[in-house]
């Protein structure tokens, strides 16, 4: 297809300039079959036409809405009814995320108001930051199950000194980890993928930084609780349906790799 000078065709560099998408990303989309150029010049360069640009704008819209590339590939060729259903489901997820962000911002405002006094976290503020979940509700059960463990004593010693600002930092870090997990899950990456395992490693570091030393055997047991205990599962899945199971699988795989 020798139309390199035609005003209706665009080189990959021109498409990158028009859309703000990097040349590397365009090559990646081509390799995935997500956005293949209409043809190539005699010299072998990719050439795009107006229809390709329209498809790219659709891809960018889906990405902005939080869909993974595998989901987008299916949606681009789906019938209108399936597309509408996917959009409705994504809208519901975005509304839930907006509500969670609103709670976090309100909690942050509260902490900033009292920061000078360095107050410790009160139960009502803890509930606000962590979406209604408060470990104090399960304190008796926790003491019964793990009260004699080194991890429980270490966690209790650390957390009793934490202020509201400390807990806000912890929540912020965990939210960021959850967002990365969700991105990997929605992109169709397996829990054992390099990307998911990197997130699991950071998750482990977060636990050890703020709570207790967590060797692989202990970490594996903790990960199982996230999906087997309904309270943990519901709290984690507030960020996205299926997140608890994905975290369990990713962290379990990471713990197994540490002992391999």
C-alpha atoms as a PDB file:
ATOM      1  CA  UNK A   1       0.000   0.000   0.000  1.00  0.00           C
ATOM      2  CA  UNK A   2       1.930   3.012  -1.234  1.00  0.00           C
ATOM      3  CA  UNK A   3      -0.012   5.983   0.111  1.00  0.00           C
ATOM      4  CA  UNK A   4       2.669   7.600   2.239  1.00  0.00           C
ATOM      5  CA  UNK A   5       1.939  11.076   0.864  1.00  0.00           C
ATOM      6  CA  UNK A   6      -1.848  10.783   1.032  1.00  0.00           C
ATOM      7  CA  UNK A   7      -3.527  13.210   3.476  1.00  0.00           C
ATOM      8  CA  UNK A   8      -5.823  10.383   4.581  1.00  0.00           C
ATOM      9  CA  UNK A   9      -2.992   8.243   5.945  1.00  0.00           C
ATOM     10  CA  UNK A  10      -0.820   8.810   9.000  1.00  0.00           C
ATOM     11  CA  UNK A  11       2.543   7.440  10.036  1.00  0.00           C
ATOM     12  CA  UNK A  12       2.982   6.102  13.547  1.00  0.00           C
ATOM     13  CA  UNK A  13       4.816   9.299  14.536  1.00  0.00           C
ATOM     14  CA  UNK A  14       1.952  11.439  13.260  1.00  0.00           C
ATOM     15  CA  UNK A  15      -0.594   9.363  15.167  1.00  0.00           C
ATOM     16  CA  UNK A  16       1.531   9.763  18.296  1.00  0.00           C
ATOM     17  CA  UNK A  17       1.558  13.540  17.816  1.00  0.00           C
ATOM     18  CA  UNK A  18      -2.188  13.752  17.202  1.00  0.00           C
ATOM     19  CA  UNK A  19      -3.263  11.564  20.118  1.00  0.00           C
ATOM     20  CA  UNK A  20      -0.469  11.925  22.662  1.00  0.00           C
ATOM     21  CA  UNK A  21       0.024   8.151  22.686  1.00  0.00           C
ATOM     22  CA  UNK A  22       3.667   7.103  22.547  1.00  0.00           C
ATOM     23  CA  UNK A  23       5.066   5.285  19.521  1.00  0.00           C
ATOM     24  CA  UNK A  24       6.051   2.437  21.833  1.00  0.00           C
ATOM     25  CA  UNK A  25       2.452   2.072  23.020  1.00  0.00           C
ATOM     26  CA  UNK A  26       1.154   2.088  19.450  1.00  0.00           C
ATOM     27  CA  UNK A  27       3.612  -0.676  18.574  1.00  0.00           C
ATOM     28  CA  UNK A  28       2.403  -2.597  21.652  1.00  0.00           C
ATOM     29  CA  UNK A  29      -1.234  -2.212  20.609  1.00  0.00           C
ATOM     30  CA  UNK A  30      -0.322  -3.500  17.158  1.00  0.00           C
ATOM     31  CA  UNK A  31       1.472  -6.531  18.631  1.00  0.00           C
ATOM     32  CA  UNK A  32      -1.614  -7.328  20.706  1.00  0.00           C
ATOM     33  CA  UNK A  33      -3.891  -7.015  17.696  1.00  0.00           C
ATOM     34  CA  UNK A  34      -5.726  -4.237  19.489  1.00  0.00           C
ATOM     35  CA  UNK A  35      -4.928  -1.549  16.913  1.00  0.00           C
ATOM     36  CA  UNK A  36      -3.288  -2.684  13.701  1.00  0.00           C
ATOM     37  CA  UNK A  37      -2.513  -0.136  10.960  1.00  0.00           C
ATOM     38  CA  UNK A  38      -4.500  -0.246   7.739  1.00  0.00           C
ATOM     39  CA  UNK A  39      -1.337  -0.955   5.797  1.00  0.00           C
ATOM     40  CA  UNK A  40       2.346  -0.212   5.342  1.00  0.00           C
ATOM     41  CA  UNK A  41       4.386   1.958   3.020  1.00  0.00           C
ATOM     42  CA  UNK A  42       6.820   0.519   0.470  1.00  0.00           C
ATOM     43  CA  UNK A  43       9.519   1.084   3.078  1.00  0.00           C
ATOM     44  CA  UNK A  44       7.586  -1.008   5.603  1.00  0.00           C
ATOM     45  CA  UNK A  45       6.374   1.829   7.840  1.00  0.00           C
ATOM     46  CA  UNK A  46       2.989   1.551   9.537  1.00  0.00           C
ATOM     47  CA  UNK A  47       0.226   3.629   7.938  1.00  0.00           C
ATOM     48  CA  UNK A  48      -3.010   4.462   9.731  1.00  0.00           C
ATOM     49  CA  UNK A  49      -6.277   5.797   8.310  1.00  0.00           C
ATOM     50  CA  UNK A  50      -9.133   7.762   9.877  1.00  0.00           C
ATOM     51  CA  UNK A  51     -10.915   4.590  11.001  1.00  0.00           C
ATOM     52  CA  UNK A  52      -7.805   3.511  12.898  1.00  0.00           C
ATOM     53  CA  UNK A  53      -7.741   6.833  14.744  1.00  0.00           C
ATOM     54  CA  UNK A  54     -11.395   6.420  15.675  1.00  0.00           C
ATOM     55  CA  UNK A  55     -10.616   2.978  17.100  1.00  0.00           C
ATOM     56  CA  UNK A  56      -7.671   4.428  19.028  1.00  0.00           C
ATOM     57  CA  UNK A  57      -9.859   7.126  20.579  1.00  0.00           C
ATOM     58  CA  UNK A  58     -12.230   4.375  21.689  1.00  0.00           C
ATOM     59  CA  UNK A  59      -9.341   2.462  23.254  1.00  0.00           C
ATOM     60  CA  UNK A  60      -8.195   5.582  25.113  1.00  0.00           C
ATOM     61  CA  UNK A  61     -11.724   6.170  26.398  1.00  0.00           C
ATOM     62  CA  UNK A  62     -11.987   2.605  27.699  1.00  0.00           C
ATOM     63  CA  UNK A  63      -8.566   2.924  29.350  1.00  0.00           C
ATOM     64  CA  UNK A  64      -9.616   6.137  31.057  1.00  0.00           C
ATOM     65  CA  UNK A  65     -12.695   4.342  32.362  1.00  0.00           C
ATOM     66  CA  UNK A  66     -10.448   1.779  34.022  1.00  0.00           C
ATOM     67  CA  UNK A  67     -10.719  -1.197  31.673  1.00  0.00           C
ATOM     68  CA  UNK A  68      -7.768  -3.487  31.020  1.00  0.00           C
ATOM     69  CA  UNK A  69      -6.476  -4.137  27.510  1.00  0.00           C
ATOM     70  CA  UNK A  70      -7.948  -7.646  27.378  1.00  0.00           C
ATOM     71  CA  UNK A  71     -11.364  -6.257  28.323  1.00  0.00           C
ATOM     72  CA  UNK A  72     -11.048  -3.477  25.747  1.00  0.00           C
ATOM     73  CA  UNK A  73     -10.186  -5.937  22.994  1.00  0.00           C
ATOM     74  CA  UNK A  74     -13.422  -7.806  23.667  1.00  0.00           C
ATOM     75  CA  UNK A  75     -15.511  -4.653  24.058  1.00  0.00           C
ATOM     76  CA  UNK A  76     -14.392  -3.088  20.779  1.00  0.00           C
ATOM     77  CA  UNK A  77     -15.987  -5.907  18.824  1.00  0.00           C
ATOM     78  CA  UNK A  78     -18.880  -6.608  21.207  1.00  0.00           C
ATOM     79  CA  UNK A  79     -22.526  -6.045  20.400  1.00  0.00           C
ATOM     80  CA  UNK A  80     -24.147  -2.840  21.766  1.00  0.00           C
ATOM     81  CA  UNK A  81     -25.981  -4.692  24.541  1.00  0.00           C
ATOM     82  CA  UNK A  82     -22.779  -6.204  25.936  1.00  0.00           C
ATOM     83  CA  UNK A  83     -21.023  -2.850  25.691  1.00  0.00           C
ATOM     84  CA  UNK A  84     -23.834  -1.117  27.577  1.00  0.00           C
ATOM     85  CA  UNK A  85     -23.739  -3.772  30.305  1.00  0.00           C
ATOM     86  CA  UNK A  86     -19.976  -3.352  30.699  1.00  0.00           C
ATOM     87  CA  UNK A  87     -20.317   0.426  30.902  1.00  0.00           C
ATOM     88  CA  UNK A  88     -23.070   0.168  33.511  1.00  0.00           C
ATOM     89  CA  UNK A  89     -20.974  -2.169  35.645  1.00  0.00           C
ATOM     90  CA  UNK A  90     -17.948   0.100  35.349  1.00  0.00           C
ATOM     91  CA  UNK A  91     -20.059   3.116  36.280  1.00  0.00           C
ATOM     92  CA  UNK A  92     -21.149   1.332  39.448  1.00  0.00           C
ATOM     93  CA  UNK A  93     -17.517   0.575  40.316  1.00  0.00           C
ATOM     94  CA  UNK A  94     -16.493   4.179  39.715  1.00  0.00           C
ATOM     95  CA  UNK A  95     -19.317   5.440  41.929  1.00  0.00           C
ATOM     96  CA  UNK A  96     -18.170   3.104  44.699  1.00  0.00           C
ATOM     97  CA  UNK A  97     -14.591   4.322  44.306  1.00  0.00           C
ATOM     98  CA  UNK A  98     -15.777   7.945  44.395  1.00  0.00           C
ATOM     99  CA  UNK A  99     -17.685   7.279  47.616  1.00  0.00           C
ATOM    100  CA  UNK A 100     -14.620   5.640  49.159  1.00  0.00           C
ATOM    101  CA  UNK A 101     -12.441   8.575  48.107  1.00  0.00           C
ATOM    102  CA  UNK A 102     -14.953  10.981  49.640  1.00  0.00           C
ATOM    103  CA  UNK A 103     -14.756   9.139  52.961  1.00  0.00           C
ATOM    104  CA  UNK A 104     -10.976   9.235  52.866  1.00  0.00           C
ATOM    105  CA  UNK A 105     -10.918  12.969  52.111  1.00  0.00           C
ATOM    106  CA  UNK A 106     -13.325  13.685  54.973  1.00  0.00           C
ATOM    107  CA  UNK A 107     -11.156  11.654  57.306  1.00  0.00           C
ATOM    108  CA  UNK A 108      -8.055  13.503  56.118  1.00  0.00           C
ATOM    109  CA  UNK A 109      -9.748  16.832  56.844  1.00  0.00           C
ATOM    110  CA  UNK A 110     -10.499  15.610  60.362  1.00  0.00           C
ATOM    111  CA  UNK A 111      -6.888  14.567  60.905  1.00  0.00           C
ATOM    112  CA  UNK A 112      -5.547  17.870  59.616  1.00  0.00           C
ATOM    113  CA  UNK A 113      -7.784  19.744  62.042  1.00  0.00           C
ATOM    114  CA  UNK A 114      -6.292  17.840  64.978  1.00  0.00           C
ATOM    115  CA  UNK A 115      -2.773  17.264  63.701  1.00  0.00           C
ATOM    116  CA  UNK A 116      -1.184  19.762  66.079  1.00  0.00           C
ATOM    117  CA  UNK A 117      -2.504  17.800  69.058  1.00  0.00           C
ATOM    118  CA  UNK A 118      -1.110  14.525  67.680  1.00  0.00           C
ATOM    119  CA  UNK A 119      -4.187  12.669  68.871  1.00  0.00           C
ATOM    120  CA  UNK A 120      -4.277   8.897  68.678  1.00  0.00           C
ATOM    121  CA  UNK A 121      -6.846   7.330  66.414  1.00  0.00           C
ATOM    122  CA  UNK A 122     -10.316   7.198  67.926  1.00  0.00           C
ATOM    123  CA  UNK A 123     -12.659   4.376  67.012  1.00  0.00           C
ATOM    124  CA  UNK A 124     -15.112   6.574  65.110  1.00  0.00           C
ATOM    125  CA  UNK A 125     -12.290   8.048  63.011  1.00  0.00           C
ATOM    126  CA  UNK A 126     -10.847   4.608  62.375  1.00  0.00           C
ATOM    127  CA  UNK A 127     -14.196   3.471  61.011  1.00  0.00           C
ATOM    128  CA  UNK A 128     -14.331   6.475  58.704  1.00  0.00           C
ATOM    129  CA  UNK A 129     -10.872   5.871  57.265  1.00  0.00           C
ATOM    130  CA  UNK A 130     -11.311   2.128  56.813  1.00  0.00           C
ATOM    131  CA  UNK A 131     -14.829   2.107  55.395  1.00  0.00           C
ATOM    132  CA  UNK A 132     -16.672   1.065  58.541  1.00  0.00           C
ATOM    133  CA  UNK A 133     -14.153  -1.634  59.536  1.00  0.00           C
ATOM    134  CA  UNK A 134     -12.617  -1.377  63.008  1.00  0.00           C
ATOM    135  CA  UNK A 135     -10.285  -4.098  64.343  1.00  0.00           C
ATOM    136  CA  UNK A 136     -11.489  -3.262  67.859  1.00  0.00           C
ATOM    137  CA  UNK A 137     -14.764  -4.992  66.973  1.00  0.00           C
ATOM    138  CA  UNK A 138     -12.863  -8.284  66.760  1.00  0.00           C
ATOM    139  CA  UNK A 139     -10.320  -7.695  69.525  1.00  0.00           C
ATOM    140  CA  UNK A 140     -11.557 -10.527  71.757  1.00  0.00           C
ATOM    141  CA  UNK A 141     -11.451 -13.016  68.877  1.00  0.00           C
ATOM    142  CA  UNK A 142      -8.020 -11.804  67.797  1.00  0.00           C
ATOM    143  CA  UNK A 143      -6.632 -12.236  71.300  1.00  0.00           C
ATOM    144  CA  UNK A 144      -8.088 -15.738  71.517  1.00  0.00           C
ATOM    145  CA  UNK A 145      -6.654 -16.836  68.167  1.00  0.00           C
ATOM    146  CA  UNK A 146      -3.310 -15.016  68.109  1.00  0.00           C
ATOM    147  CA  UNK A 147      -2.815 -13.385  71.508  1.00  0.00           C
ATOM    148  CA  UNK A 148       0.155 -15.607  72.361  1.00  0.00           C
ATOM    149  CA  UNK A 149       1.936 -15.038  69.055  1.00  0.00           C
ATOM    150  CA  UNK A 150       4.964 -12.825  68.546  1.00  0.00           C
ATOM    151  CA  UNK A 151       3.202 -11.164  65.607  1.00  0.00           C
ATOM    152  CA  UNK A 152       0.250 -10.122  67.775  1.00  0.00           C
ATOM    153  CA  UNK A 153       2.511  -8.660  70.454  1.00  0.00           C
ATOM    154  CA  UNK A 154       4.650  -6.877  67.867  1.00  0.00           C
ATOM    155  CA  UNK A 155       1.603  -5.439  66.100  1.00  0.00           C
ATOM    156  CA  UNK A 156      -0.027  -4.335  69.360  1.00  0.00           C
ATOM    157  CA  UNK A 157       3.172  -2.619  70.476  1.00  0.00           C
ATOM    158  CA  UNK A 158       3.543  -0.739  67.199  1.00  0.00           C
ATOM    159  CA  UNK A 159      -0.062   0.247  66.594  1.00  0.00           C
ATOM    160  CA  UNK A 160      -0.811   1.547  70.074  1.00  0.00           C
ATOM    161  CA  UNK A 161       1.527   4.460  69.312  1.00  0.00           C
ATOM    162  CA  UNK A 162       0.017   5.325  65.930  1.00  0.00           C
ATOM    163  CA  UNK A 163      -1.786   8.623  65.512  1.00  0.00           C
ATOM    164  CA  UNK A 164      -4.637   9.414  63.175  1.00  0.00           C
ATOM    165  CA  UNK A 165      -2.117  10.710  60.649  1.00  0.00           C
ATOM    166  CA  UNK A 166      -0.213   7.420  60.846  1.00  0.00           C
ATOM    167  CA  UNK A 167      -3.360   5.441  60.126  1.00  0.00           C
ATOM    168  CA  UNK A 168      -4.155   7.772  57.240  1.00  0.00           C
ATOM    169  CA  UNK A 169      -0.725   7.029  55.770  1.00  0.00           C
ATOM    170  CA  UNK A 170      -1.310   3.305  56.208  1.00  0.00           C
ATOM    171  CA  UNK A 171      -4.672   3.560  54.452  1.00  0.00           C
ATOM    172  CA  UNK A 172      -3.141   5.594  51.637  1.00  0.00           C
ATOM    173  CA  UNK A 173      -0.426   3.002  51.059  1.00  0.00           C
ATOM    174  CA  UNK A 174      -2.932   0.139  51.119  1.00  0.00           C
ATOM    175  CA  UNK A 175      -5.264   1.973  48.740  1.00  0.00           C
ATOM    176  CA  UNK A 176      -2.364   2.376  46.316  1.00  0.00           C
ATOM    177  CA  UNK A 177      -1.547  -1.333  46.579  1.00  0.00           C
ATOM    178  CA  UNK A 178      -5.203  -2.248  46.025  1.00  0.00           C
ATOM    179  CA  UNK A 179      -5.353   0.014  42.969  1.00  0.00           C
ATOM    180  CA  UNK A 180      -2.353  -1.787  41.498  1.00  0.00           C
ATOM    181  CA  UNK A 181      -3.886  -5.193  42.243  1.00  0.00           C
ATOM    182  CA  UNK A 182      -7.133  -4.097  40.582  1.00  0.00           C
ATOM    183  CA  UNK A 183      -5.280  -2.834  37.534  1.00  0.00           C
ATOM    184  CA  UNK A 184      -3.464  -6.149  37.150  1.00  0.00           C
ATOM    185  CA  UNK A 185      -6.626  -8.172  37.727  1.00  0.00           C
ATOM    186  CA  UNK A 186      -8.692  -6.157  35.249  1.00  0.00           C
ATOM    187  CA  UNK A 187      -5.907  -6.359  32.682  1.00  0.00           C
ATOM    188  CA  UNK A 188      -6.287 -10.131  32.820  1.00  0.00           C
ATOM    189  CA  UNK A 189      -2.864 -10.749  34.389  1.00  0.00           C
ATOM    190  CA  UNK A 190      -2.584 -13.954  36.390  1.00  0.00           C
ATOM    191  CA  UNK A 191      -1.869 -13.768  40.118  1.00  0.00           C
ATOM    192  CA  UNK A 192       1.465 -15.421  39.385  1.00  0.00           C
ATOM    193  CA  UNK A 193       2.515 -12.894  36.725  1.00  0.00           C
ATOM    194  CA  UNK A 194       5.611 -10.764  37.245  1.00  0.00           C
ATOM    195  CA  UNK A 195       3.447  -7.667  37.700  1.00  0.00           C
ATOM    196  CA  UNK A 196       1.202  -9.249  40.341  1.00  0.00           C
ATOM    197  CA  UNK A 197       4.195 -10.715  42.161  1.00  0.00           C
ATOM    198  CA  UNK A 198       5.857  -7.287  42.343  1.00  0.00           C
ATOM    199  CA  UNK A 199       2.685  -5.928  43.957  1.00  0.00           C
ATOM    200  CA  UNK A 200       2.603  -8.853  46.402  1.00  0.00           C
ATOM    201  CA  UNK A 201       6.203  -8.102  47.394  1.00  0.00           C
ATOM    202  CA  UNK A 202       5.260  -4.487  48.129  1.00  0.00           C
ATOM    203  CA  UNK A 203       2.190  -5.705  50.051  1.00  0.00           C
ATOM    204  CA  UNK A 204       4.439  -7.879  52.221  1.00  0.00           C
ATOM    205  CA  UNK A 205       6.804  -4.944  52.798  1.00  0.00           C
ATOM    206  CA  UNK A 206       3.825  -2.794  53.842  1.00  0.00           C
ATOM    207  CA  UNK A 207       2.747  -5.367  56.449  1.00  0.00           C
ATOM    208  CA  UNK A 208       6.247  -5.658  57.874  1.00  0.00           C
ATOM    209  CA  UNK A 209       6.786  -1.899  57.890  1.00  0.00           C
ATOM    210  CA  UNK A 210       3.631  -1.106  59.844  1.00  0.00           C
ATOM    211  CA  UNK A 211       2.563  -4.224  61.739  1.00  0.00           C
ATOM    212  CA  UNK A 212       4.758  -7.291  62.215  1.00  0.00           C
ATOM    213  CA  UNK A 213       7.414  -9.528  60.728  1.00  0.00           C
ATOM    214  CA  UNK A 214       5.672 -11.893  58.322  1.00  0.00           C
ATOM    215  CA  UNK A 215       7.715 -14.909  57.194  1.00  0.00           C
ATOM    216  CA  UNK A 216       6.318 -16.889  54.232  1.00  0.00           C
ATOM    217  CA  UNK A 217       4.483 -19.507  56.312  1.00  0.00           C
ATOM    218  CA  UNK A 218       2.666 -16.870  58.343  1.00  0.00           C
ATOM    219  CA  UNK A 219       2.005 -14.722  55.280  1.00  0.00           C
ATOM    220  CA  UNK A 220       0.431 -17.662  53.480  1.00  0.00           C
ATOM    221  CA  UNK A 221      -1.955 -18.262  56.377  1.00  0.00           C
ATOM    222  CA  UNK A 222      -2.866 -14.587  56.534  1.00  0.00           C
ATOM    223  CA  UNK A 223      -3.546 -14.487  52.794  1.00  0.00           C
ATOM    224  CA  UNK A 224      -5.955 -17.411  53.088  1.00  0.00           C
ATOM    225  CA  UNK A 225      -7.988 -15.445  55.643  1.00  0.00           C
ATOM    226  CA  UNK A 226      -8.579 -12.626  53.170  1.00  0.00           C
ATOM    227  CA  UNK A 227     -10.792 -14.828  51.030  1.00  0.00           C
ATOM    228  CA  UNK A 228     -11.965 -17.495  53.511  1.00  0.00           C
ATOM    229  CA  UNK A 229     -13.160 -15.143  56.265  1.00  0.00           C
ATOM    230  CA  UNK A 230     -16.244 -13.271  55.066  1.00  0.00           C
ATOM    231  CA  UNK A 231     -15.390 -10.157  57.094  1.00  0.00           C
ATOM    232  CA  UNK A 232     -11.962  -9.798  55.520  1.00  0.00           C
ATOM    233  CA  UNK A 233     -13.318 -10.654  52.081  1.00  0.00           C
ATOM    234  CA  UNK A 234     -16.119  -8.085  52.221  1.00  0.00           C
ATOM    235  CA  UNK A 235     -13.807  -5.342  53.490  1.00  0.00           C
ATOM    236  CA  UNK A 236     -11.207  -5.967  50.768  1.00  0.00           C
ATOM    237  CA  UNK A 237     -13.799  -6.366  48.013  1.00  0.00           C
ATOM    238  CA  UNK A 238     -15.115  -2.864  48.730  1.00  0.00           C
ATOM    239  CA  UNK A 239     -12.331  -1.716  46.410  1.00  0.00           C
ATOM    240  CA  UNK A 240     -13.414  -4.093  43.643  1.00  0.00           C
ATOM    241  CA  UNK A 241     -15.264  -7.377  43.294  1.00  0.00           C
ATOM    242  CA  UNK A 242     -12.898 -10.346  43.294  1.00  0.00           C
ATOM    243  CA  UNK A 243      -9.995  -8.397  44.786  1.00  0.00           C
ATOM    244  CA  UNK A 244      -9.746 -10.525  47.955  1.00  0.00           C
ATOM    245  CA  UNK A 245      -9.408 -13.758  45.979  1.00  0.00           C
ATOM    246  CA  UNK A 246      -6.847 -12.176  43.636  1.00  0.00           C
ATOM    247  CA  UNK A 247      -4.781 -10.863  46.565  1.00  0.00           C
ATOM    248  CA  UNK A 248      -4.904 -14.263  48.241  1.00  0.00           C
ATOM    249  CA  UNK A 249      -3.643 -15.989  45.101  1.00  0.00           C
ATOM    250  CA  UNK A 250      -0.918 -13.403  44.422  1.00  0.00           C
ATOM    251  CA  UNK A 251       0.450 -13.292  47.969  1.00  0.00           C
ATOM    252  CA  UNK A 252       0.268 -17.085  48.336  1.00  0.00           C
ATOM    253  CA  UNK A 253       2.261 -17.485  45.116  1.00  0.00           C
ATOM    254  CA  UNK A 254       4.800 -14.919  46.346  1.00  0.00           C
ATOM    255  CA  UNK A 255       5.156 -16.682  49.717  1.00  0.00           C
ATOM    256  CA  UNK A 256       5.621 -20.039  47.961  1.00  0.00           C
ATOM    257  CA  UNK A 257       8.354 -18.541  45.773  1.00  0.00           C
ATOM    258  CA  UNK A 258      10.258 -17.347  48.840  1.00  0.00           C
ATOM    259  CA  UNK A 259      10.472 -20.925  50.108  1.00  0.00           C
ATOM    260  CA  UNK A 260      11.231 -22.545  46.768  1.00  0.00           C
END
